[in-house]
Amino acid sequence: MTTETNPGTQTTTGADAVDEAIARGIDFDGTPIPAAKLELYQQVMALEANRQRSGVSNTMRSRIVRIGAKHIPQEELNQSLINAGFAPLKEKEIAFFYGGK
């Protein structure tokens, strides 16, 4: 698998690329991320880390829908969800993720 990098050899692809950049405090273009942005991000992520989870399957489905909608046509994603044993796309998800396309 190949990865895309910027001139500073920072990986800009993959699920962890953004997290790694945030941890370094450096954006993909090499510029520092302003401290106020980092502080707010860390504050919100700390709140999220303390939130009770509803279950792994629910979280998996949410991630599949949120990310899959960027890459997979609506009907294909819906059928893939059903084939995998997840609930099909909800009307509000269709409106949110596919309504403007």
N, C-alpha and C. Protein backbone atom coordinates (compact mmCIF):
# COMPACT_ATOMS: atom_id res chain seq x y z
N MET A 1 0.85 -1.18 0.00
CA MET A 1 0.00 0.00 0.00
C MET A 1 0.89 1.24 0.00
N THR A 2 0.60 2.17 -0.88
CA THR A 2 1.38 3.40 -0.93
C THR A 2 0.69 4.47 -0.12
N THR A 3 1.48 5.42 0.37
CA THR A 3 0.91 6.53 1.11
C THR A 3 1.38 7.82 0.48
N GLU A 4 0.55 8.80 0.55
CA GLU A 4 0.86 10.12 0.02
C GLU A 4 1.52 10.92 1.13
N THR A 5 2.57 11.64 0.78
CA THR A 5 3.24 12.45 1.79
C THR A 5 3.46 13.85 1.28
N ASN A 6 3.63 14.77 2.22
CA ASN A 6 3.97 16.14 1.84
C ASN A 6 5.48 16.28 1.87
N PRO A 7 6.01 17.42 1.52
CA PRO A 7 7.46 17.57 1.50
C PRO A 7 8.14 17.26 2.83
N GLY A 8 7.46 17.41 3.95
CA GLY A 8 8.05 17.11 5.25
C GLY A 8 7.93 15.65 5.63
N THR A 9 7.57 14.80 4.71
CA THR A 9 7.38 13.36 4.87
C THR A 9 6.25 13.00 5.82
N GLN A 10 5.35 13.91 6.09
CA GLN A 10 4.19 13.63 6.93
C GLN A 10 3.15 12.92 6.07
N THR A 11 2.65 11.79 6.54
CA THR A 11 1.63 11.05 5.81
C THR A 11 0.32 11.84 5.80
N THR A 12 -0.30 11.96 4.62
CA THR A 12 -1.56 12.69 4.51
C THR A 12 -2.71 11.77 4.11
N THR A 13 -2.48 10.48 4.12
CA THR A 13 -3.55 9.54 3.83
C THR A 13 -3.68 8.55 4.98
N GLY A 14 -4.80 7.89 5.01
CA GLY A 14 -5.03 6.89 6.05
C GLY A 14 -5.81 7.46 7.21
N ALA A 15 -6.36 6.55 7.98
CA ALA A 15 -7.25 6.92 9.07
C ALA A 15 -6.56 7.72 10.17
N ASP A 16 -5.27 7.52 10.37
CA ASP A 16 -4.57 8.17 11.47
C ASP A 16 -3.83 9.44 11.09
N ALA A 17 -3.84 9.82 9.82
CA ALA A 17 -3.04 10.96 9.36
C ALA A 17 -3.40 12.25 10.10
N VAL A 18 -4.69 12.52 10.25
CA VAL A 18 -5.11 13.75 10.92
C VAL A 18 -4.73 13.72 12.40
N ASP A 19 -4.96 12.59 13.05
CA ASP A 19 -4.59 12.47 14.47
C ASP A 19 -3.10 12.69 14.68
N GLU A 20 -2.29 12.14 13.79
CA GLU A 20 -0.84 12.30 13.90
C GLU A 20 -0.45 13.76 13.71
N ALA A 21 -1.08 14.43 12.75
CA ALA A 21 -0.78 15.85 12.52
C ALA A 21 -1.18 16.69 13.73
N ILE A 22 -2.33 16.40 14.30
CA ILE A 22 -2.79 17.13 15.49
C ILE A 22 -1.81 16.91 16.64
N ALA A 23 -1.38 15.68 16.83
CA ALA A 23 -0.43 15.38 17.92
C ALA A 23 0.87 16.16 17.74
N ARG A 24 1.29 16.35 16.49
CA ARG A 24 2.50 17.13 16.22
C ARG A 24 2.24 18.63 16.31
N GLY A 25 0.97 19.02 16.15
CA GLY A 25 0.64 20.44 16.12
C GLY A 25 1.02 21.11 14.81
N ILE A 26 1.16 20.30 13.77
CA ILE A 26 1.58 20.80 12.46
C ILE A 26 0.59 20.33 11.40
N ASP A 27 0.08 21.27 10.60
CA ASP A 27 -0.85 20.94 9.52
C ASP A 27 -0.10 20.25 8.39
N PHE A 28 -0.83 19.66 7.45
CA PHE A 28 -0.21 18.96 6.34
C PHE A 28 0.67 19.86 5.47
N ASP A 29 0.36 21.14 5.44
CA ASP A 29 1.18 22.06 4.63
C ASP A 29 2.43 22.54 5.37
N GLY A 30 2.63 22.03 6.59
CA GLY A 30 3.82 22.38 7.36
C GLY A 30 3.65 23.55 8.31
N THR A 31 2.50 24.20 8.27
CA THR A 31 2.27 25.34 9.16
C THR A 31 1.81 24.86 10.54
N PRO A 32 2.19 25.59 11.58
CA PRO A 32 1.73 25.21 12.93
C PRO A 32 0.21 25.39 13.05
N ILE A 33 -0.41 24.49 13.79
CA ILE A 33 -1.83 24.63 14.09
C ILE A 33 -1.92 25.60 15.27
N PRO A 34 -2.72 26.67 15.15
CA PRO A 34 -2.80 27.65 16.24
C PRO A 34 -3.19 27.00 17.57
N ALA A 35 -2.58 27.48 18.63
CA ALA A 35 -2.80 26.93 19.97
C ALA A 35 -4.27 26.93 20.37
N ALA A 36 -4.99 27.99 20.03
CA ALA A 36 -6.42 28.06 20.40
C ALA A 36 -7.21 26.93 19.74
N LYS A 37 -6.88 26.60 18.50
CA LYS A 37 -7.56 25.50 17.81
C LYS A 37 -7.22 24.17 18.47
N LEU A 38 -5.96 23.97 18.79
CA LEU A 38 -5.54 22.73 19.44
C LEU A 38 -6.20 22.58 20.81
N GLU A 39 -6.26 23.66 21.58
CA GLU A 39 -6.86 23.61 22.91
C GLU A 39 -8.34 23.28 22.84
N LEU A 40 -9.06 23.91 21.91
CA LEU A 40 -10.49 23.62 21.77
C LEU A 40 -10.70 22.18 21.34
N TYR A 41 -9.90 21.72 20.40
CA TYR A 41 -10.00 20.33 19.94
C TYR A 41 -9.76 19.37 21.10
N GLN A 42 -8.72 19.61 21.87
CA GLN A 42 -8.40 18.74 23.00
C GLN A 42 -9.50 18.76 24.06
N GLN A 43 -10.10 19.92 24.28
CA GLN A 43 -11.20 20.03 25.25
C GLN A 43 -12.39 19.19 24.80
N VAL A 44 -12.76 19.31 23.53
CA VAL A 44 -13.91 18.57 23.03
C VAL A 44 -13.62 17.07 22.99
N MET A 45 -12.41 16.69 22.61
CA MET A 45 -12.06 15.27 22.57
C MET A 45 -12.04 14.66 23.98
N ALA A 46 -11.66 15.44 24.98
CA ALA A 46 -11.69 14.96 26.37
C ALA A 46 -13.14 14.70 26.80
N LEU A 47 -14.05 15.58 26.40
CA LEU A 47 -15.47 15.36 26.70
C LEU A 47 -15.96 14.09 26.02
N GLU A 48 -15.58 13.91 24.77
CA GLU A 48 -16.00 12.72 24.02
C GLU A 48 -15.43 11.45 24.64
N ALA A 49 -14.21 11.52 25.13
CA ALA A 49 -13.58 10.35 25.73
C ALA A 49 -14.32 9.88 26.97
N ASN A 50 -15.03 10.78 27.62
CA ASN A 50 -15.77 10.43 28.83
C ASN A 50 -17.23 10.06 28.59
N ARG A 51 -17.66 10.10 27.33
CA ARG A 51 -19.05 9.79 27.00
C ARG A 51 -19.29 8.29 26.99
N GLN A 52 -20.39 7.88 27.60
CA GLN A 52 -20.78 6.47 27.61
C GLN A 52 -21.12 6.04 26.18
N ARG A 53 -20.64 4.91 25.78
CA ARG A 53 -20.87 4.38 24.44
C ARG A 53 -22.11 3.51 24.40
N SER A 54 -22.77 3.48 23.23
CA SER A 54 -23.99 2.69 23.09
C SER A 54 -23.71 1.30 22.54
N GLY A 55 -22.54 1.04 22.08
CA GLY A 55 -22.20 -0.28 21.56
C GLY A 55 -21.30 -0.17 20.34
N VAL A 56 -20.52 -1.19 20.14
CA VAL A 56 -19.56 -1.18 19.04
C VAL A 56 -20.27 -1.22 17.69
N SER A 57 -21.30 -2.05 17.55
CA SER A 57 -22.00 -2.14 16.27
C SER A 57 -22.62 -0.81 15.86
N ASN A 58 -23.19 -0.09 16.83
CA ASN A 58 -23.77 1.22 16.51
C ASN A 58 -22.70 2.18 16.03
N THR A 59 -21.55 2.17 16.69
CA THR A 59 -20.46 3.05 16.31
C THR A 59 -19.91 2.66 14.95
N MET A 60 -19.77 1.37 14.71
CA MET A 60 -19.29 0.91 13.40
C MET A 60 -20.22 1.38 12.30
N ARG A 61 -21.52 1.21 12.50
CA ARG A 61 -22.49 1.62 11.49
C ARG A 61 -22.41 3.12 11.24
N SER A 62 -22.32 3.90 12.32
CA SER A 62 -22.23 5.35 12.18
C SER A 62 -21.01 5.75 11.36
N ARG A 63 -19.88 5.13 11.64
CA ARG A 63 -18.67 5.44 10.90
C ARG A 63 -18.78 5.00 9.44
N ILE A 64 -19.35 3.83 9.22
CA ILE A 64 -19.54 3.35 7.85
C ILE A 64 -20.39 4.33 7.06
N VAL A 65 -21.49 4.79 7.65
CA VAL A 65 -22.38 5.71 6.95
C VAL A 65 -21.69 7.05 6.72
N ARG A 66 -21.09 7.61 7.77
CA ARG A 66 -20.46 8.93 7.67
C ARG A 66 -19.33 8.95 6.64
N ILE A 67 -18.49 7.95 6.67
CA ILE A 67 -17.35 7.91 5.76
C ILE A 67 -17.74 7.31 4.41
N GLY A 68 -18.54 6.26 4.45
CA GLY A 68 -18.96 5.60 3.22
C GLY A 68 -19.72 6.52 2.28
N ALA A 69 -20.52 7.42 2.83
CA ALA A 69 -21.31 8.34 1.99
C ALA A 69 -20.41 9.25 1.15
N LYS A 70 -19.17 9.45 1.57
CA LYS A 70 -18.24 10.27 0.79
C LYS A 70 -17.71 9.53 -0.42
N HIS A 71 -17.77 8.19 -0.39
CA HIS A 71 -17.10 7.39 -1.40
C HIS A 71 -18.01 6.43 -2.16
N ILE A 72 -19.17 6.12 -1.60
CA ILE A 72 -20.03 5.06 -2.15
C ILE A 72 -21.40 5.65 -2.50
N PRO A 73 -21.92 5.35 -3.69
CA PRO A 73 -23.27 5.81 -4.04
C PRO A 73 -24.31 5.31 -3.04
N GLN A 74 -25.37 6.07 -2.89
CA GLN A 74 -26.41 5.80 -1.89
C GLN A 74 -26.95 4.37 -1.95
N GLU A 75 -27.38 3.95 -3.09
CA GLU A 75 -27.99 2.61 -3.19
C GLU A 75 -26.99 1.51 -2.88
N GLU A 76 -25.76 1.70 -3.31
CA GLU A 76 -24.72 0.70 -3.04
C GLU A 76 -24.40 0.64 -1.54
N LEU A 77 -24.29 1.79 -0.91
CA LEU A 77 -24.02 1.82 0.53
C LEU A 77 -25.19 1.20 1.29
N ASN A 78 -26.40 1.55 0.92
CA ASN A 78 -27.58 1.00 1.57
C ASN A 78 -27.61 -0.52 1.47
N GLN A 79 -27.36 -1.04 0.28
CA GLN A 79 -27.38 -2.49 0.09
C GLN A 79 -26.24 -3.16 0.85
N SER A 80 -25.09 -2.52 0.89
CA SER A 80 -23.95 -3.06 1.63
C SER A 80 -24.25 -3.13 3.13
N LEU A 81 -24.91 -2.10 3.66
CA LEU A 81 -25.32 -2.12 5.06
C LEU A 81 -26.24 -3.30 5.34
N ILE A 82 -27.23 -3.46 4.49
CA ILE A 82 -28.21 -4.55 4.66
C ILE A 82 -27.50 -5.90 4.55
N ASN A 83 -26.63 -6.05 3.55
CA ASN A 83 -25.92 -7.33 3.36
C ASN A 83 -25.06 -7.69 4.56
N ALA A 84 -24.53 -6.68 5.24
CA ALA A 84 -23.67 -6.91 6.39
C ALA A 84 -24.46 -7.10 7.69
N GLY A 85 -25.77 -6.93 7.62
CA GLY A 85 -26.60 -7.12 8.81
C GLY A 85 -26.84 -5.86 9.61
N PHE A 86 -26.51 -4.70 9.03
CA PHE A 86 -26.80 -3.42 9.67
C PHE A 86 -28.16 -2.91 9.19
N ALA A 87 -28.72 -1.97 9.93
CA ALA A 87 -29.96 -1.32 9.51
C ALA A 87 -29.68 -0.53 8.22
N PRO A 88 -30.66 -0.45 7.33
CA PRO A 88 -30.47 0.34 6.11
C PRO A 88 -30.35 1.83 6.44
N LEU A 89 -29.99 2.60 5.43
CA LEU A 89 -29.90 4.05 5.62
C LEU A 89 -31.24 4.61 6.06
N LYS A 90 -31.20 5.54 7.00
CA LYS A 90 -32.40 6.21 7.48
C LYS A 90 -32.65 7.43 6.60
N GLU A 91 -33.89 7.86 6.55
CA GLU A 91 -34.24 9.02 5.72
C GLU A 91 -33.40 10.25 6.08
N LYS A 92 -33.18 10.46 7.38
CA LYS A 92 -32.40 11.64 7.78
C LYS A 92 -30.94 11.51 7.34
N GLU A 93 -30.41 10.29 7.30
CA GLU A 93 -29.04 10.09 6.81
C GLU A 93 -28.97 10.34 5.31
N ILE A 94 -29.96 9.85 4.59
CA ILE A 94 -30.01 10.07 3.14
C ILE A 94 -30.08 11.56 2.86
N ALA A 95 -30.95 12.27 3.57
CA ALA A 95 -31.09 13.71 3.36
C ALA A 95 -29.80 14.44 3.69
N PHE A 96 -29.16 14.08 4.77
CA PHE A 96 -27.95 14.77 5.20
C PHE A 96 -26.77 14.47 4.30
N PHE A 97 -26.53 13.19 4.04
CA PHE A 97 -25.32 12.80 3.30
C PHE A 97 -25.49 12.83 1.78
N TYR A 98 -26.70 12.63 1.29
CA TYR A 98 -26.89 12.56 -0.15
C TYR A 98 -27.83 13.63 -0.71
N GLY A 99 -28.46 14.40 0.17
CA GLY A 99 -29.45 15.38 -0.28
C GLY A 99 -28.89 16.45 -1.19
N GLY A 100 -27.66 16.87 -0.99
CA GLY A 100 -27.07 17.93 -1.80
C GLY A 100 -26.37 17.44 -3.04
N LYS A 101 -26.43 16.14 -3.32
CA LYS A 101 -25.68 15.59 -4.47
C LYS A 101 -26.56 15.42 -5.66
